[in-house]
């Protein structure tokens, strides 16, 4: 293979990599902590993936951040769960903070956004007093669930283990 052929091949490979990267949609970790796959969580609705695909993070900090840029499509009155429709409408992402924490009736949760607000990826959404959650006997695991996405999309998940807030943990591609 001559120089020109190698150059054209290298340009073609670079273009494929660029196109692949551009068509991949990242969903960020909403908290720092230990990432666990849904099937390893203690909530049957999430572990069975009945609600959708995604990941969960056992948090080690009290602020929950936006995993994507978009519009807050839903905010539970108890402030323990919310949904965000991504700006490009490629996905609707639900954050569910804790297992059975709806029973706390909002105690320990303080929303920093309202339904209808536009948020940027990495923006603080909810302050959570995880000591209150744990003291009440609830699991504080934060679920990041892709509820709606294109039928043709594929979903890739981050490996289990430590993750930092705002680190990509789920990738969607067409």
N, C-alpha and C. Protein backbone atom coordinates (compact mmCIF):
# COMPACT_ATOMS: atom_id res chain seq x y z
N UNK A 1 0.85 -1.16 0.00
CA UNK A 1 0.00 0.00 0.00
C UNK A 1 0.90 1.23 0.00
N UNK A 2 0.61 2.15 -0.93
CA UNK A 2 1.42 3.35 -1.06
C UNK A 2 1.03 4.42 -0.06
N UNK A 3 1.81 5.50 -0.07
CA UNK A 3 1.58 6.61 0.85
C UNK A 3 0.17 7.17 0.72
N UNK A 4 -0.27 7.44 -0.51
CA UNK A 4 -1.59 8.02 -0.74
C UNK A 4 -2.69 7.11 -0.23
N UNK A 5 -2.58 5.82 -0.46
CA UNK A 5 -3.58 4.86 0.01
C UNK A 5 -3.62 4.82 1.53
N UNK A 6 -2.44 4.83 2.18
CA UNK A 6 -2.40 4.83 3.65
C UNK A 6 -3.01 6.12 4.19
N UNK A 7 -2.74 7.24 3.56
CA UNK A 7 -3.28 8.52 3.98
C UNK A 7 -4.81 8.52 3.87
N UNK A 8 -5.32 8.04 2.75
CA UNK A 8 -6.77 7.99 2.55
C UNK A 8 -7.43 7.04 3.56
N UNK A 9 -6.79 5.92 3.85
CA UNK A 9 -7.32 4.98 4.83
C UNK A 9 -7.34 5.62 6.21
N UNK A 10 -6.27 6.31 6.58
CA UNK A 10 -6.21 6.98 7.89
C UNK A 10 -7.30 8.05 8.00
N UNK A 11 -7.53 8.82 6.94
CA UNK A 11 -8.58 9.84 6.95
C UNK A 11 -9.96 9.20 7.06
N UNK A 12 -10.17 8.08 6.37
CA UNK A 12 -11.44 7.38 6.42
C UNK A 12 -11.71 6.85 7.83
N UNK A 13 -10.71 6.24 8.47
CA UNK A 13 -10.85 5.73 9.83
C UNK A 13 -11.13 6.87 10.80
N UNK A 14 -10.42 7.99 10.65
CA UNK A 14 -10.65 9.15 11.52
C UNK A 14 -12.07 9.68 11.36
N UNK A 15 -12.57 9.69 10.14
CA UNK A 15 -13.95 10.19 9.91
C UNK A 15 -14.98 9.25 10.54
N UNK A 16 -14.75 7.94 10.47
CA UNK A 16 -15.66 6.99 11.10
C UNK A 16 -15.66 7.20 12.61
N UNK A 17 -14.49 7.36 13.21
CA UNK A 17 -14.40 7.59 14.65
C UNK A 17 -15.11 8.88 15.03
N UNK A 18 -14.94 9.92 14.24
CA UNK A 18 -15.58 11.21 14.51
C UNK A 18 -17.10 11.08 14.40
N UNK A 19 -17.58 10.40 13.37
CA UNK A 19 -19.02 10.21 13.18
C UNK A 19 -19.60 9.39 14.32
N UNK A 20 -18.89 8.33 14.73
CA UNK A 20 -19.36 7.50 15.83
C UNK A 20 -19.45 8.30 17.12
N UNK A 21 -18.40 9.08 17.42
CA UNK A 21 -18.40 9.88 18.64
C UNK A 21 -19.50 10.93 18.61
N UNK A 22 -19.75 11.51 17.43
CA UNK A 22 -20.76 12.56 17.33
C UNK A 22 -22.17 12.00 17.50
N UNK A 23 -22.39 10.73 17.15
CA UNK A 23 -23.72 10.17 17.24
C UNK A 23 -23.99 9.50 18.59
N UNK A 24 -23.04 9.60 19.50
CA UNK A 24 -23.21 8.99 20.81
C UNK A 24 -23.66 10.06 21.81
N UNK A 25 -24.70 9.77 22.56
CA UNK A 25 -25.29 10.70 23.53
C UNK A 25 -24.87 10.23 24.92
N UNK A 26 -24.24 11.12 25.70
CA UNK A 26 -23.75 10.75 27.03
C UNK A 26 -24.74 11.17 28.11
N UNK A 27 -24.88 10.30 29.10
CA UNK A 27 -25.66 10.58 30.30
C UNK A 27 -24.68 10.52 31.46
N UNK A 28 -24.66 11.58 32.26
CA UNK A 28 -23.66 11.75 33.30
C UNK A 28 -24.11 11.20 34.65
N UNK A 29 -23.15 10.87 35.50
CA UNK A 29 -23.44 10.44 36.86
C UNK A 29 -24.01 11.64 37.63
N UNK A 30 -25.16 11.48 38.28
CA UNK A 30 -25.75 12.59 39.01
C UNK A 30 -25.13 12.82 40.39
N UNK A 31 -24.37 11.83 40.86
CA UNK A 31 -23.67 11.92 42.15
C UNK A 31 -22.37 11.13 42.05
N UNK A 32 -21.45 11.42 42.96
CA UNK A 32 -20.26 10.58 43.10
C UNK A 32 -20.61 9.41 44.00
N UNK A 33 -19.97 8.29 43.76
CA UNK A 33 -20.22 7.13 44.60
C UNK A 33 -19.83 5.85 43.90
N UNK A 34 -20.52 4.78 44.24
CA UNK A 34 -20.24 3.45 43.70
C UNK A 34 -21.32 3.08 42.70
N UNK A 35 -20.95 2.95 41.42
CA UNK A 35 -21.90 2.57 40.40
C UNK A 35 -22.19 1.08 40.51
N UNK A 36 -23.48 0.75 40.47
CA UNK A 36 -23.91 -0.64 40.45
C UNK A 36 -24.89 -0.82 39.30
N UNK A 37 -24.88 -1.98 38.71
CA UNK A 37 -25.82 -2.26 37.64
C UNK A 37 -27.19 -2.54 38.24
N UNK A 38 -28.22 -2.21 37.50
CA UNK A 38 -29.59 -2.29 38.02
C UNK A 38 -29.93 -3.64 38.62
N UNK A 39 -29.48 -4.72 37.98
CA UNK A 39 -29.83 -6.06 38.47
C UNK A 39 -29.23 -6.34 39.84
N UNK A 40 -28.30 -5.51 40.29
CA UNK A 40 -27.67 -5.69 41.60
C UNK A 40 -28.23 -4.73 42.65
N UNK A 41 -29.38 -4.11 42.36
CA UNK A 41 -30.01 -3.21 43.31
C UNK A 41 -31.14 -3.92 44.03
N UNK A 42 -31.65 -3.29 45.09
CA UNK A 42 -32.67 -3.90 45.95
C UNK A 42 -34.09 -3.45 45.65
N UNK A 43 -34.34 -2.97 44.45
CA UNK A 43 -35.69 -2.56 44.08
C UNK A 43 -36.12 -3.37 42.85
N UNK A 44 -37.13 -4.22 42.99
CA UNK A 44 -37.54 -5.09 41.89
C UNK A 44 -37.95 -4.35 40.62
N UNK A 45 -38.58 -3.18 40.75
CA UNK A 45 -39.00 -2.43 39.57
C UNK A 45 -37.80 -1.98 38.75
N UNK A 46 -36.72 -1.60 39.44
CA UNK A 46 -35.52 -1.16 38.74
C UNK A 46 -34.61 -2.34 38.37
N UNK A 47 -34.45 -3.29 39.29
CA UNK A 47 -33.52 -4.40 39.01
C UNK A 47 -34.01 -5.27 37.86
N UNK A 48 -35.32 -5.34 37.64
CA UNK A 48 -35.86 -6.10 36.52
C UNK A 48 -35.87 -5.30 35.22
N UNK A 49 -35.52 -4.02 35.32
CA UNK A 49 -35.51 -3.09 34.19
C UNK A 49 -36.91 -2.85 33.63
N UNK A 50 -37.93 -3.09 34.46
CA UNK A 50 -39.30 -2.86 34.04
C UNK A 50 -39.56 -1.38 33.75
N UNK A 51 -38.87 -0.51 34.47
CA UNK A 51 -39.05 0.94 34.31
C UNK A 51 -38.21 1.46 33.15
N UNK A 52 -37.09 0.80 32.87
CA UNK A 52 -36.20 1.22 31.80
C UNK A 52 -34.79 0.77 32.08
N UNK A 53 -33.91 1.04 31.13
CA UNK A 53 -32.50 0.69 31.29
C UNK A 53 -31.76 1.84 31.96
N UNK A 54 -30.59 1.55 32.50
CA UNK A 54 -29.78 2.59 33.12
C UNK A 54 -28.82 1.99 34.13
N UNK A 55 -28.45 2.81 35.09
CA UNK A 55 -27.52 2.40 36.14
C UNK A 55 -27.97 3.01 37.45
N UNK A 56 -27.30 2.63 38.52
CA UNK A 56 -27.58 3.19 39.84
C UNK A 56 -26.25 3.54 40.49
N UNK A 57 -26.30 4.55 41.36
CA UNK A 57 -25.09 4.97 42.08
C UNK A 57 -25.42 5.07 43.57
N UNK A 58 -24.64 4.36 44.38
CA UNK A 58 -24.76 4.50 45.84
C UNK A 58 -23.97 5.77 46.16
N UNK A 59 -24.65 6.82 46.61
CA UNK A 59 -24.02 8.14 46.72
C UNK A 59 -23.11 8.31 47.92
N UNK A 60 -22.12 9.19 47.74
CA UNK A 60 -21.29 9.57 48.88
C UNK A 60 -21.29 11.09 49.07
N UNK A 61 -22.29 11.76 48.48
CA UNK A 61 -22.45 13.21 48.66
C UNK A 61 -23.92 13.55 48.56
N UNK A 62 -24.28 14.77 48.96
CA UNK A 62 -25.67 15.12 49.11
C UNK A 62 -26.32 15.96 48.03
N UNK A 63 -25.62 16.31 46.98
CA UNK A 63 -26.25 17.07 45.91
C UNK A 63 -26.38 16.18 44.69
N UNK A 64 -27.57 16.20 44.07
CA UNK A 64 -27.84 15.43 42.86
C UNK A 64 -27.82 16.40 41.69
N UNK A 65 -27.05 16.07 40.65
CA UNK A 65 -26.83 16.94 39.50
C UNK A 65 -27.54 16.40 38.26
N UNK A 66 -27.82 17.29 37.31
CA UNK A 66 -28.49 16.90 36.06
C UNK A 66 -27.58 16.00 35.23
N UNK A 67 -28.09 14.84 34.82
CA UNK A 67 -27.29 13.92 34.00
C UNK A 67 -27.28 14.32 32.52
N UNK A 68 -28.22 15.17 32.12
CA UNK A 68 -28.33 15.63 30.73
C UNK A 68 -28.83 17.07 30.74
N UNK A 69 -28.65 17.75 29.62
CA UNK A 69 -29.26 19.07 29.42
C UNK A 69 -30.66 18.84 28.86
N UNK A 70 -31.62 19.61 29.37
CA UNK A 70 -32.98 19.46 28.88
C UNK A 70 -33.97 20.16 29.76
N UNK A 71 -35.22 19.77 29.62
CA UNK A 71 -36.32 20.37 30.38
C UNK A 71 -36.80 19.40 31.45
N UNK A 72 -37.00 19.92 32.66
CA UNK A 72 -37.54 19.11 33.74
C UNK A 72 -39.00 18.84 33.39
N UNK A 73 -39.27 17.64 32.91
CA UNK A 73 -40.60 17.27 32.44
C UNK A 73 -41.51 16.87 33.60
N UNK A 74 -40.92 16.39 34.68
CA UNK A 74 -41.71 15.98 35.85
C UNK A 74 -40.85 16.12 37.10
N UNK A 75 -41.48 16.58 38.17
CA UNK A 75 -40.84 16.65 39.48
C UNK A 75 -41.87 16.18 40.50
N UNK A 76 -41.58 15.07 41.16
CA UNK A 76 -42.49 14.53 42.16
C UNK A 76 -42.68 15.56 43.28
N UNK A 77 -43.87 15.67 43.85
CA UNK A 77 -44.10 16.62 44.95
C UNK A 77 -43.18 16.37 46.15
N UNK A 78 -42.77 15.11 46.34
CA UNK A 78 -41.87 14.77 47.45
C UNK A 78 -40.40 15.02 47.10
N UNK A 79 -40.14 15.47 45.89
CA UNK A 79 -38.82 15.88 45.41
C UNK A 79 -37.78 14.76 45.38
N UNK A 80 -38.23 13.51 45.44
CA UNK A 80 -37.30 12.38 45.42
C UNK A 80 -37.12 11.79 44.01
N UNK A 81 -37.88 12.29 43.04
CA UNK A 81 -37.79 11.77 41.68
C UNK A 81 -38.13 12.87 40.69
N UNK A 82 -37.47 12.81 39.55
CA UNK A 82 -37.76 13.78 38.49
C UNK A 82 -37.38 13.20 37.14
N UNK A 83 -37.96 13.76 36.10
CA UNK A 83 -37.68 13.33 34.73
C UNK A 83 -37.20 14.52 33.92
N UNK A 84 -36.22 14.28 33.06
CA UNK A 84 -35.69 15.32 32.18
C UNK A 84 -35.76 14.85 30.74
N UNK A 85 -36.41 15.65 29.89
CA UNK A 85 -36.41 15.38 28.44
C UNK A 85 -35.19 16.09 27.87
N UNK A 86 -34.30 15.33 27.25
CA UNK A 86 -33.06 15.91 26.73
C UNK A 86 -33.37 16.94 25.64
N UNK A 87 -32.46 17.90 25.50
CA UNK A 87 -32.65 19.00 24.54
C UNK A 87 -32.93 18.50 23.13
N UNK A 88 -32.26 17.43 22.73
CA UNK A 88 -32.45 16.93 21.37
C UNK A 88 -33.55 15.86 21.31
N UNK A 89 -34.24 15.67 22.41
CA UNK A 89 -35.33 14.69 22.52
C UNK A 89 -34.90 13.26 22.22
N UNK A 90 -33.59 12.98 22.35
CA UNK A 90 -33.12 11.62 22.10
C UNK A 90 -33.41 10.69 23.26
N UNK A 91 -33.68 11.26 24.44
CA UNK A 91 -33.96 10.41 25.60
C UNK A 91 -34.70 11.20 26.68
N UNK A 92 -35.52 10.48 27.43
CA UNK A 92 -36.07 11.02 28.65
C UNK A 92 -35.43 10.24 29.78
N UNK A 93 -34.81 10.97 30.70
CA UNK A 93 -34.05 10.35 31.78
C UNK A 93 -34.75 10.63 33.10
N UNK A 94 -34.98 9.56 33.87
CA UNK A 94 -35.57 9.70 35.18
C UNK A 94 -34.49 9.52 36.24
N UNK A 95 -34.52 10.38 37.23
CA UNK A 95 -33.68 10.21 38.42
C UNK A 95 -34.61 9.83 39.56
N UNK A 96 -34.29 8.74 40.22
CA UNK A 96 -35.07 8.32 41.38
C UNK A 96 -34.08 8.22 42.53
N UNK A 97 -34.29 9.04 43.56
CA UNK A 97 -33.33 9.15 44.65
C UNK A 97 -33.80 8.27 45.81
N UNK A 98 -33.14 7.14 45.98
CA UNK A 98 -33.45 6.23 47.07
C UNK A 98 -34.53 5.22 46.72
N UNK A 99 -34.63 4.21 47.56
CA UNK A 99 -35.65 3.17 47.40
C UNK A 99 -36.73 3.40 48.46
N UNK A 100 -37.96 3.50 48.00
CA UNK A 100 -39.13 3.74 48.87
C UNK A 100 -39.07 5.08 49.59
N UNK A 101 -38.25 6.00 49.13
CA UNK A 101 -38.10 7.30 49.80
C UNK A 101 -39.33 8.19 49.62
N UNK A 102 -40.26 7.80 48.78
CA UNK A 102 -41.52 8.53 48.69
C UNK A 102 -42.19 8.56 50.07
N UNK A 103 -41.94 7.53 50.87
CA UNK A 103 -42.53 7.44 52.21
C UNK A 103 -42.00 8.52 53.15
N UNK A 104 -40.90 9.16 52.79
CA UNK A 104 -40.37 10.26 53.62
C UNK A 104 -41.17 11.55 53.43
N UNK A 105 -42.04 11.55 52.42
CA UNK A 105 -42.90 12.70 52.13
C UNK A 105 -42.12 14.01 51.98
N UNK A 106 -40.95 13.91 51.38
CA UNK A 106 -40.14 15.10 51.11
C UNK A 106 -39.11 15.43 52.16
N UNK A 107 -39.17 14.80 53.32
CA UNK A 107 -38.21 15.07 54.39
C UNK A 107 -36.80 14.67 53.93
N UNK A 108 -35.88 15.61 54.00
CA UNK A 108 -34.50 15.36 53.59
C UNK A 108 -34.21 15.73 52.14
N UNK A 109 -35.22 16.19 51.41
CA UNK A 109 -35.07 16.55 49.99
C UNK A 109 -35.39 18.04 49.80
N UNK A 110 -34.56 18.71 49.02
CA UNK A 110 -34.81 20.12 48.70
C UNK A 110 -34.51 20.34 47.21
N UNK A 111 -35.57 20.46 46.41
CA UNK A 111 -35.39 20.68 44.96
C UNK A 111 -34.86 22.08 44.70
N UNK A 112 -33.92 22.17 43.78
CA UNK A 112 -33.35 23.45 43.37
C UNK A 112 -33.90 23.90 42.03
N UNK A 113 -34.77 23.08 41.44
CA UNK A 113 -35.40 23.37 40.15
C UNK A 113 -36.89 23.07 40.27
N UNK A 114 -37.63 23.51 39.26
CA UNK A 114 -39.07 23.26 39.22
C UNK A 114 -39.42 22.59 37.90
N UNK A 115 -40.58 21.95 37.86
CA UNK A 115 -41.06 21.37 36.62
C UNK A 115 -41.16 22.48 35.57
N UNK A 116 -40.68 22.18 34.36
CA UNK A 116 -40.69 23.16 33.28
C UNK A 116 -39.39 23.92 33.12
N UNK A 117 -38.52 23.88 34.13
CA UNK A 117 -37.22 24.57 34.05
C UNK A 117 -36.32 23.89 33.03
N UNK A 118 -35.49 24.70 32.37
CA UNK A 118 -34.42 24.14 31.54
C UNK A 118 -33.20 23.97 32.44
N UNK A 119 -32.52 22.83 32.31
CA UNK A 119 -31.31 22.58 33.09
C UNK A 119 -30.17 22.19 32.15
N UNK A 120 -28.97 22.49 32.60
CA UNK A 120 -27.77 22.10 31.86
C UNK A 120 -27.17 20.88 32.54
N UNK A 121 -26.59 19.99 31.74
CA UNK A 121 -25.91 18.82 32.31
C UNK A 121 -24.91 19.29 33.34
N UNK A 122 -24.95 18.68 34.51
CA UNK A 122 -24.04 19.04 35.59
C UNK A 122 -24.59 20.09 36.54
N UNK A 123 -25.77 20.62 36.27
CA UNK A 123 -26.39 21.63 37.14
C UNK A 123 -26.99 20.96 38.37
N UNK A 124 -26.82 21.56 39.56
CA UNK A 124 -27.45 21.00 40.76
C UNK A 124 -28.97 20.97 40.63
N UNK A 125 -29.59 19.84 41.01
CA UNK A 125 -31.04 19.66 40.91
C UNK A 125 -31.72 19.56 42.26
N UNK A 126 -31.16 18.71 43.12
CA UNK A 126 -31.77 18.43 44.41
C UNK A 126 -30.67 18.29 45.46
N UNK A 127 -30.88 18.94 46.60
CA UNK A 127 -30.00 18.71 47.75
C UNK A 127 -30.68 17.65 48.61
N UNK A 128 -29.91 16.64 48.98
CA UNK A 128 -30.46 15.52 49.75
C UNK A 128 -29.65 15.33 51.01
N UNK A 129 -30.34 15.18 52.13
CA UNK A 129 -29.68 14.84 53.37
C UNK A 129 -29.74 13.32 53.49
N UNK A 130 -28.70 12.67 52.99
CA UNK A 130 -28.69 11.21 52.97
C UNK A 130 -28.63 10.62 54.38
N UNK A 131 -28.20 11.41 55.37
CA UNK A 131 -28.24 10.93 56.76
C UNK A 131 -29.69 10.73 57.20
N UNK A 132 -30.58 11.65 56.78
CA UNK A 132 -32.01 11.52 57.09
C UNK A 132 -32.57 10.28 56.40
N UNK A 133 -32.18 10.07 55.13
CA UNK A 133 -32.67 8.92 54.36
C UNK A 133 -32.23 7.62 55.04
N UNK A 134 -30.95 7.53 55.39
CA UNK A 134 -30.43 6.31 56.02
C UNK A 134 -31.03 6.11 57.42
N UNK A 135 -31.14 7.20 58.21
CA UNK A 135 -31.67 7.09 59.58
C UNK A 135 -33.11 6.58 59.57
N UNK A 136 -33.85 6.88 58.50
CA UNK A 136 -35.23 6.41 58.38
C UNK A 136 -35.28 4.97 57.87
N UNK A 137 -34.12 4.38 57.60
CA UNK A 137 -34.06 2.99 57.18
C UNK A 137 -34.18 2.75 55.69
N UNK A 138 -33.96 3.81 54.90
CA UNK A 138 -34.10 3.67 53.45
C UNK A 138 -32.75 3.59 52.75
N UNK A 139 -32.72 2.86 51.67
CA UNK A 139 -31.54 2.72 50.81
C UNK A 139 -31.41 4.01 49.99
N UNK A 140 -30.25 4.69 50.02
CA UNK A 140 -30.09 5.98 49.33
C UNK A 140 -29.71 5.88 47.85
N UNK A 141 -29.65 4.69 47.29
CA UNK A 141 -29.19 4.52 45.91
C UNK A 141 -29.94 5.45 44.96
N UNK A 142 -29.17 6.12 44.09
CA UNK A 142 -29.74 7.03 43.09
C UNK A 142 -29.79 6.29 41.75
N UNK A 143 -30.98 6.21 41.18
CA UNK A 143 -31.19 5.50 39.92
C UNK A 143 -31.21 6.50 38.76
N UNK A 144 -30.51 6.14 37.69
CA UNK A 144 -30.49 6.93 36.45
C UNK A 144 -31.10 6.03 35.39
N UNK A 145 -32.34 6.33 35.02
CA UNK A 145 -33.10 5.43 34.15
C UNK A 145 -33.45 6.13 32.85
N UNK A 146 -33.16 5.47 31.74
CA UNK A 146 -33.56 5.98 30.43
C UNK A 146 -34.95 5.41 30.16
N UNK A 147 -35.97 6.27 30.32
CA UNK A 147 -37.37 5.83 30.19
C UNK A 147 -37.81 5.79 28.74
N UNK A 148 -37.39 6.75 27.97
CA UNK A 148 -37.78 6.81 26.57
C UNK A 148 -36.53 7.09 25.74
N UNK A 149 -36.45 6.37 24.62
CA UNK A 149 -35.35 6.58 23.68
C UNK A 149 -35.77 6.02 22.34
N UNK A 150 -35.02 6.34 21.32
CA UNK A 150 -35.30 5.85 19.98
C UNK A 150 -35.25 4.33 19.95
N UNK A 151 -36.17 3.72 19.21
CA UNK A 151 -36.18 2.26 19.10
C UNK A 151 -34.89 1.72 18.50
N UNK A 152 -34.25 2.50 17.66
CA UNK A 152 -33.03 2.05 16.98
C UNK A 152 -31.77 2.27 17.81
N UNK A 153 -31.89 2.92 18.96
CA UNK A 153 -30.70 3.24 19.74
C UNK A 153 -30.20 2.03 20.52
N UNK A 154 -28.91 2.05 20.78
CA UNK A 154 -28.31 1.04 21.65
C UNK A 154 -27.80 1.76 22.88
N UNK A 155 -27.78 1.05 23.98
CA UNK A 155 -27.38 1.63 25.26
C UNK A 155 -26.18 0.88 25.78
N UNK A 156 -25.18 1.64 26.21
CA UNK A 156 -23.97 1.08 26.79
C UNK A 156 -23.80 1.65 28.18
N UNK A 157 -23.43 0.82 29.15
CA UNK A 157 -23.31 1.24 30.55
C UNK A 157 -21.86 1.21 31.02
N UNK A 158 -21.54 2.12 31.91
CA UNK A 158 -20.24 2.19 32.58
C UNK A 158 -20.06 0.92 33.42
N UNK A 159 -18.86 0.48 33.59
CA UNK A 159 -18.57 -0.68 34.43
C UNK A 159 -18.86 -0.35 35.90
N UNK A 160 -19.18 -1.36 36.68
CA UNK A 160 -19.39 -1.17 38.11
C UNK A 160 -18.11 -0.66 38.75
N UNK A 161 -18.28 0.12 39.81
CA UNK A 161 -17.13 0.65 40.54
C UNK A 161 -17.30 2.13 40.82
N UNK A 162 -16.26 2.76 41.34
CA UNK A 162 -16.35 4.17 41.71
C UNK A 162 -16.58 5.06 40.49
N UNK A 163 -17.43 6.07 40.66
CA UNK A 163 -17.65 7.08 39.62
C UNK A 163 -17.68 8.45 40.27
N UNK A 164 -17.28 9.43 39.50
CA UNK A 164 -17.32 10.83 39.95
C UNK A 164 -18.54 11.51 39.37
N UNK A 165 -19.10 12.44 40.12
CA UNK A 165 -20.22 13.21 39.62
C UNK A 165 -19.85 13.83 38.28
N UNK A 166 -20.76 13.86 37.35
CA UNK A 166 -20.61 14.43 36.01
C UNK A 166 -19.75 13.57 35.08
N UNK A 167 -19.37 12.38 35.52
CA UNK A 167 -18.64 11.44 34.66
C UNK A 167 -19.67 10.68 33.81
N UNK A 168 -19.42 10.49 32.51
CA UNK A 168 -20.37 9.71 31.70
C UNK A 168 -20.53 8.29 32.25
N UNK A 169 -21.81 7.86 32.37
CA UNK A 169 -22.08 6.51 32.91
C UNK A 169 -22.97 5.69 31.98
N UNK A 170 -23.66 6.36 31.04
CA UNK A 170 -24.50 5.68 30.05
C UNK A 170 -24.29 6.38 28.73
N UNK A 171 -24.22 5.58 27.66
CA UNK A 171 -24.08 6.12 26.31
C UNK A 171 -25.17 5.55 25.43
N UNK A 172 -25.84 6.42 24.69
CA UNK A 172 -26.83 6.00 23.72
C UNK A 172 -26.28 6.29 22.35
N UNK A 173 -26.46 5.37 21.43
CA UNK A 173 -26.05 5.63 20.05
C UNK A 173 -27.11 5.10 19.10
N UNK A 174 -27.20 5.75 17.96
CA UNK A 174 -28.18 5.36 16.93
C UNK A 174 -27.59 4.29 16.06
